[in-house]
Amino acid sequence: MFVAWTTVATQKEADRLATAVVHAHLAACVQIDAPITSCYHWNGKIEITQEIRLTFKCLPEKLLPLETWVLAHHPYSNPEWMAVKADRVSEKYLSWARGDVHSPTL
């Protein structure tokens, strides 16, 4: 399983991206964290902005299609996109992500 993330400026953009990738089965789950503060260089100056982070959980075969879709539909001209392989994932959660179980046990 992979965990990937990006940031957007508004809750509406976050909801749009999250809903679309889950609907398309590109990610098993998307978590939305808000607000976060980002500090970075942009156009020769330091920017500090409030953003919303989306964290995607996806199976290995979905990572490239997920990345392609997110980058094509992202509102930023240079969006953050990072992905890391999860070293450990519980078997129940992985089964759910594969579609073997229809809802996670809360």
N, C-alpha and C. Protein backbone atom coordinates (compact mmCIF):
# COMPACT_ATOMS: atom_id res chain seq x y z
N MET A 1 0.84 -1.17 0.00
CA MET A 1 0.00 0.00 0.00
C MET A 1 0.89 1.23 0.00
N PHE A 2 0.39 2.31 -0.61
CA PHE A 2 1.09 3.58 -0.63
C PHE A 2 0.28 4.65 0.07
N VAL A 3 0.98 5.62 0.61
CA VAL A 3 0.37 6.81 1.19
C VAL A 3 0.92 7.98 0.39
N ALA A 4 0.04 8.81 -0.13
CA ALA A 4 0.46 9.97 -0.93
C ALA A 4 -0.27 11.20 -0.43
N TRP A 5 0.30 12.37 -0.71
CA TRP A 5 -0.38 13.58 -0.26
C TRP A 5 -0.13 14.75 -1.17
N THR A 6 -1.05 15.71 -1.04
CA THR A 6 -0.98 16.98 -1.73
C THR A 6 -1.68 18.01 -0.86
N THR A 7 -1.59 19.27 -1.24
CA THR A 7 -2.30 20.33 -0.53
C THR A 7 -3.08 21.17 -1.52
N VAL A 8 -4.16 21.78 -1.03
CA VAL A 8 -4.98 22.70 -1.82
C VAL A 8 -5.34 23.89 -0.93
N ALA A 9 -5.92 24.90 -1.55
CA ALA A 9 -6.21 26.14 -0.82
C ALA A 9 -7.55 26.14 -0.09
N THR A 10 -8.54 25.38 -0.60
CA THR A 10 -9.89 25.47 -0.02
C THR A 10 -10.48 24.10 0.30
N GLN A 11 -11.42 24.11 1.21
CA GLN A 11 -12.15 22.89 1.56
C GLN A 11 -12.91 22.36 0.35
N LYS A 12 -13.46 23.25 -0.45
CA LYS A 12 -14.21 22.85 -1.64
C LYS A 12 -13.32 22.07 -2.62
N GLU A 13 -12.08 22.57 -2.83
CA GLU A 13 -11.14 21.87 -3.70
C GLU A 13 -10.76 20.51 -3.10
N ALA A 14 -10.54 20.47 -1.81
CA ALA A 14 -10.19 19.21 -1.14
C ALA A 14 -11.33 18.19 -1.28
N ASP A 15 -12.54 18.62 -1.02
CA ASP A 15 -13.70 17.73 -1.13
C ASP A 15 -13.86 17.22 -2.55
N ARG A 16 -13.66 18.09 -3.53
CA ARG A 16 -13.81 17.72 -4.95
C ARG A 16 -12.79 16.65 -5.33
N LEU A 17 -11.53 16.87 -4.99
CA LEU A 17 -10.49 15.89 -5.33
C LEU A 17 -10.72 14.57 -4.60
N ALA A 18 -11.00 14.63 -3.30
CA ALA A 18 -11.18 13.41 -2.51
C ALA A 18 -12.35 12.59 -3.03
N THR A 19 -13.46 13.23 -3.24
CA THR A 19 -14.66 12.51 -3.71
C THR A 19 -14.42 11.87 -5.07
N ALA A 20 -13.78 12.60 -5.97
CA ALA A 20 -13.56 12.08 -7.32
C ALA A 20 -12.64 10.87 -7.33
N VAL A 21 -11.55 10.89 -6.57
CA VAL A 21 -10.63 9.75 -6.61
C VAL A 21 -11.20 8.52 -5.90
N VAL A 22 -11.97 8.73 -4.85
CA VAL A 22 -12.62 7.59 -4.19
C VAL A 22 -13.70 7.02 -5.11
N HIS A 23 -14.47 7.90 -5.74
CA HIS A 23 -15.52 7.45 -6.67
C HIS A 23 -14.92 6.63 -7.82
N ALA A 24 -13.75 7.06 -8.30
CA ALA A 24 -13.08 6.36 -9.41
C ALA A 24 -12.26 5.15 -8.95
N HIS A 25 -12.29 4.85 -7.65
CA HIS A 25 -11.55 3.73 -7.07
C HIS A 25 -10.04 3.85 -7.28
N LEU A 26 -9.54 5.10 -7.33
CA LEU A 26 -8.10 5.32 -7.43
C LEU A 26 -7.45 5.31 -6.05
N ALA A 27 -8.22 5.61 -5.03
CA ALA A 27 -7.74 5.56 -3.64
C ALA A 27 -8.80 4.86 -2.81
N ALA A 28 -8.34 4.08 -1.84
CA ALA A 28 -9.27 3.41 -0.94
C ALA A 28 -9.85 4.40 0.05
N CYS A 29 -9.05 5.41 0.40
CA CYS A 29 -9.44 6.38 1.41
C CYS A 29 -8.67 7.67 1.18
N VAL A 30 -9.30 8.80 1.45
CA VAL A 30 -8.62 10.09 1.44
C VAL A 30 -8.98 10.79 2.74
N GLN A 31 -7.96 11.20 3.48
CA GLN A 31 -8.18 11.97 4.69
C GLN A 31 -7.87 13.43 4.40
N ILE A 32 -8.68 14.31 4.95
CA ILE A 32 -8.53 15.75 4.74
C ILE A 32 -8.18 16.39 6.08
N ASP A 33 -7.02 17.02 6.14
CA ASP A 33 -6.55 17.70 7.34
C ASP A 33 -6.57 19.21 7.11
N ALA A 34 -7.16 19.94 8.04
CA ALA A 34 -7.20 21.39 7.87
C ALA A 34 -7.33 22.06 9.22
N PRO A 35 -6.89 23.25 9.37
CA PRO A 35 -5.93 23.88 8.45
C PRO A 35 -4.51 23.49 8.81
N ILE A 36 -3.62 23.58 7.83
CA ILE A 36 -2.19 23.45 8.08
C ILE A 36 -1.55 24.75 7.59
N THR A 37 -0.39 25.06 8.11
CA THR A 37 0.32 26.25 7.67
C THR A 37 1.55 25.81 6.88
N SER A 38 1.70 26.34 5.68
CA SER A 38 2.84 26.03 4.83
C SER A 38 3.71 27.27 4.69
N CYS A 39 5.02 27.10 4.78
CA CYS A 39 5.99 28.17 4.61
C CYS A 39 6.94 27.72 3.50
N TYR A 40 7.09 28.54 2.44
CA TYR A 40 7.87 28.12 1.28
C TYR A 40 8.30 29.33 0.45
N HIS A 41 9.30 29.12 -0.39
CA HIS A 41 9.71 30.15 -1.35
C HIS A 41 8.82 30.05 -2.58
N TRP A 42 8.33 31.18 -3.06
CA TRP A 42 7.54 31.21 -4.29
C TRP A 42 7.75 32.56 -4.96
N ASN A 43 8.17 32.53 -6.21
CA ASN A 43 8.40 33.75 -6.99
C ASN A 43 9.33 34.71 -6.27
N GLY A 44 10.40 34.19 -5.69
CA GLY A 44 11.43 35.01 -5.09
C GLY A 44 11.15 35.55 -3.70
N LYS A 45 10.06 35.10 -3.08
CA LYS A 45 9.81 35.56 -1.72
C LYS A 45 9.26 34.42 -0.86
N ILE A 46 9.31 34.61 0.44
CA ILE A 46 8.79 33.60 1.36
C ILE A 46 7.30 33.80 1.52
N GLU A 47 6.56 32.74 1.35
CA GLU A 47 5.11 32.74 1.52
C GLU A 47 4.75 31.92 2.75
N ILE A 48 3.77 32.36 3.48
CA ILE A 48 3.18 31.58 4.57
C ILE A 48 1.68 31.57 4.32
N THR A 49 1.13 30.37 4.08
CA THR A 49 -0.28 30.26 3.72
C THR A 49 -0.96 29.14 4.51
N GLN A 50 -2.25 29.28 4.66
CA GLN A 50 -3.08 28.22 5.22
C GLN A 50 -3.50 27.32 4.06
N GLU A 51 -3.35 26.03 4.25
CA GLU A 51 -3.73 25.07 3.22
C GLU A 51 -4.47 23.90 3.86
N ILE A 52 -4.95 23.03 2.99
CA ILE A 52 -5.64 21.82 3.40
C ILE A 52 -4.87 20.65 2.80
N ARG A 53 -4.51 19.67 3.63
CA ARG A 53 -3.75 18.53 3.15
C ARG A 53 -4.69 17.35 2.89
N LEU A 54 -4.49 16.71 1.77
CA LEU A 54 -5.20 15.47 1.44
C LEU A 54 -4.19 14.34 1.51
N THR A 55 -4.53 13.28 2.25
CA THR A 55 -3.68 12.10 2.36
C THR A 55 -4.44 10.94 1.72
N PHE A 56 -3.84 10.35 0.71
CA PHE A 56 -4.46 9.28 -0.07
C PHE A 56 -3.85 7.95 0.33
N LYS A 57 -4.66 6.91 0.48
CA LYS A 57 -4.18 5.55 0.68
C LYS A 57 -4.58 4.75 -0.55
N CYS A 58 -3.59 4.14 -1.20
CA CYS A 58 -3.92 3.41 -2.43
C CYS A 58 -3.06 2.16 -2.58
N LEU A 59 -3.54 1.25 -3.38
CA LEU A 59 -2.83 0.03 -3.69
C LEU A 59 -1.76 0.33 -4.75
N PRO A 60 -0.70 -0.46 -4.81
CA PRO A 60 0.40 -0.17 -5.74
C PRO A 60 -0.02 0.03 -7.18
N GLU A 61 -0.95 -0.77 -7.66
CA GLU A 61 -1.38 -0.65 -9.06
C GLU A 61 -2.19 0.62 -9.33
N LYS A 62 -2.64 1.29 -8.29
CA LYS A 62 -3.42 2.52 -8.44
C LYS A 62 -2.58 3.78 -8.31
N LEU A 63 -1.32 3.65 -7.87
CA LEU A 63 -0.51 4.83 -7.58
C LEU A 63 -0.30 5.71 -8.81
N LEU A 64 0.15 5.16 -9.91
CA LEU A 64 0.40 5.97 -11.10
C LEU A 64 -0.89 6.57 -11.65
N PRO A 65 -1.99 5.80 -11.78
CA PRO A 65 -3.23 6.44 -12.23
C PRO A 65 -3.73 7.53 -11.28
N LEU A 66 -3.55 7.32 -9.96
CA LEU A 66 -3.94 8.33 -8.98
C LEU A 66 -3.11 9.59 -9.18
N GLU A 67 -1.80 9.44 -9.26
CA GLU A 67 -0.92 10.59 -9.46
C GLU A 67 -1.27 11.35 -10.74
N THR A 68 -1.46 10.63 -11.81
CA THR A 68 -1.81 11.24 -13.10
C THR A 68 -3.11 12.03 -12.98
N TRP A 69 -4.12 11.44 -12.35
CA TRP A 69 -5.42 12.10 -12.22
C TRP A 69 -5.31 13.34 -11.33
N VAL A 70 -4.67 13.21 -10.17
CA VAL A 70 -4.57 14.34 -9.24
C VAL A 70 -3.82 15.49 -9.90
N LEU A 71 -2.70 15.22 -10.53
CA LEU A 71 -1.92 16.30 -11.14
C LEU A 71 -2.67 16.96 -12.30
N ALA A 72 -3.45 16.20 -13.02
CA ALA A 72 -4.23 16.75 -14.14
C ALA A 72 -5.41 17.61 -13.67
N HIS A 73 -5.91 17.34 -12.47
CA HIS A 73 -7.10 18.05 -11.97
C HIS A 73 -6.82 18.99 -10.81
N HIS A 74 -5.55 19.14 -10.48
CA HIS A 74 -5.17 19.96 -9.33
C HIS A 74 -5.27 21.44 -9.68
N PRO A 75 -5.75 22.27 -8.75
CA PRO A 75 -5.89 23.71 -9.04
C PRO A 75 -4.56 24.48 -9.05
N TYR A 76 -3.49 23.94 -8.47
CA TYR A 76 -2.21 24.65 -8.42
C TYR A 76 -1.41 24.42 -9.70
N SER A 77 -0.60 25.41 -10.09
CA SER A 77 0.25 25.24 -11.27
C SER A 77 1.43 24.33 -10.98
N ASN A 78 1.85 24.24 -9.72
CA ASN A 78 2.95 23.38 -9.32
C ASN A 78 2.58 22.66 -8.02
N PRO A 79 1.69 21.67 -8.10
CA PRO A 79 1.19 21.04 -6.87
C PRO A 79 2.23 20.15 -6.20
N GLU A 80 2.13 20.12 -4.88
CA GLU A 80 2.90 19.15 -4.11
C GLU A 80 2.34 17.77 -4.41
N TRP A 81 3.21 16.81 -4.65
CA TRP A 81 2.79 15.41 -4.78
C TRP A 81 3.94 14.56 -4.26
N MET A 82 3.68 13.80 -3.23
CA MET A 82 4.65 12.87 -2.67
C MET A 82 3.94 11.57 -2.36
N ALA A 83 4.68 10.49 -2.50
CA ALA A 83 4.12 9.18 -2.16
C ALA A 83 5.21 8.33 -1.53
N VAL A 84 4.82 7.58 -0.52
CA VAL A 84 5.73 6.66 0.15
C VAL A 84 5.06 5.30 0.29
N LYS A 85 5.87 4.28 0.27
CA LYS A 85 5.35 2.92 0.46
C LYS A 85 5.19 2.68 1.95
N ALA A 86 4.04 2.17 2.33
CA ALA A 86 3.79 1.82 3.73
C ALA A 86 4.51 0.50 4.03
N ASP A 87 5.37 0.51 5.03
CA ASP A 87 6.10 -0.70 5.39
C ASP A 87 5.21 -1.73 6.06
N ARG A 88 4.22 -1.26 6.80
CA ARG A 88 3.33 -2.18 7.51
C ARG A 88 1.90 -1.68 7.38
N VAL A 89 1.02 -2.59 7.01
CA VAL A 89 -0.41 -2.30 6.91
C VAL A 89 -1.14 -3.50 7.51
N SER A 90 -2.11 -3.24 8.38
CA SER A 90 -2.83 -4.37 8.98
C SER A 90 -3.54 -5.17 7.88
N GLU A 91 -3.60 -6.46 8.08
CA GLU A 91 -4.21 -7.34 7.09
C GLU A 91 -5.69 -6.99 6.86
N LYS A 92 -6.42 -6.65 7.93
CA LYS A 92 -7.83 -6.28 7.78
C LYS A 92 -7.99 -5.02 6.94
N TYR A 93 -7.14 -4.02 7.19
CA TYR A 93 -7.24 -2.77 6.43
C TYR A 93 -6.86 -3.02 4.97
N LEU A 94 -5.82 -3.80 4.74
CA LEU A 94 -5.40 -4.11 3.38
C LEU A 94 -6.48 -4.89 2.64
N SER A 95 -7.13 -5.83 3.31
CA SER A 95 -8.24 -6.56 2.69
C SER A 95 -9.37 -5.63 2.32
N TRP A 96 -9.69 -4.72 3.23
CA TRP A 96 -10.73 -3.73 2.94
C TRP A 96 -10.35 -2.88 1.73
N ALA A 97 -9.10 -2.42 1.68
CA ALA A 97 -8.64 -1.58 0.57
C ALA A 97 -8.69 -2.33 -0.76
N ARG A 98 -8.46 -3.64 -0.70
CA ARG A 98 -8.53 -4.45 -1.93
C ARG A 98 -9.97 -4.72 -2.36
N GLY A 99 -10.91 -4.38 -1.50
CA GLY A 99 -12.31 -4.60 -1.85
C GLY A 99 -12.86 -5.90 -1.32
N ASP A 100 -12.06 -6.62 -0.51
CA ASP A 100 -12.53 -7.88 0.05
C ASP A 100 -13.53 -7.66 1.18
N VAL A 101 -13.46 -6.51 1.81
CA VAL A 101 -14.37 -6.14 2.89
C VAL A 101 -14.98 -4.81 2.49
N HIS A 102 -16.29 -4.65 2.68
CA HIS A 102 -16.97 -3.46 2.19
C HIS A 102 -16.91 -2.23 3.08
N SER A 103 -16.62 -2.40 4.36
CA SER A 103 -16.48 -1.22 5.21
C SER A 103 -15.51 -1.53 6.33
N PRO A 104 -14.68 -0.52 6.68
CA PRO A 104 -13.74 -0.76 7.78
C PRO A 104 -14.46 -0.84 9.11
N THR A 105 -13.94 -1.66 10.01
CA THR A 105 -14.50 -1.73 11.35
C THR A 105 -14.03 -0.52 12.14
N LEU A 106 -14.96 0.23 12.69
CA LEU A 106 -14.60 1.42 13.44
C LEU A 106 -14.48 1.11 14.91
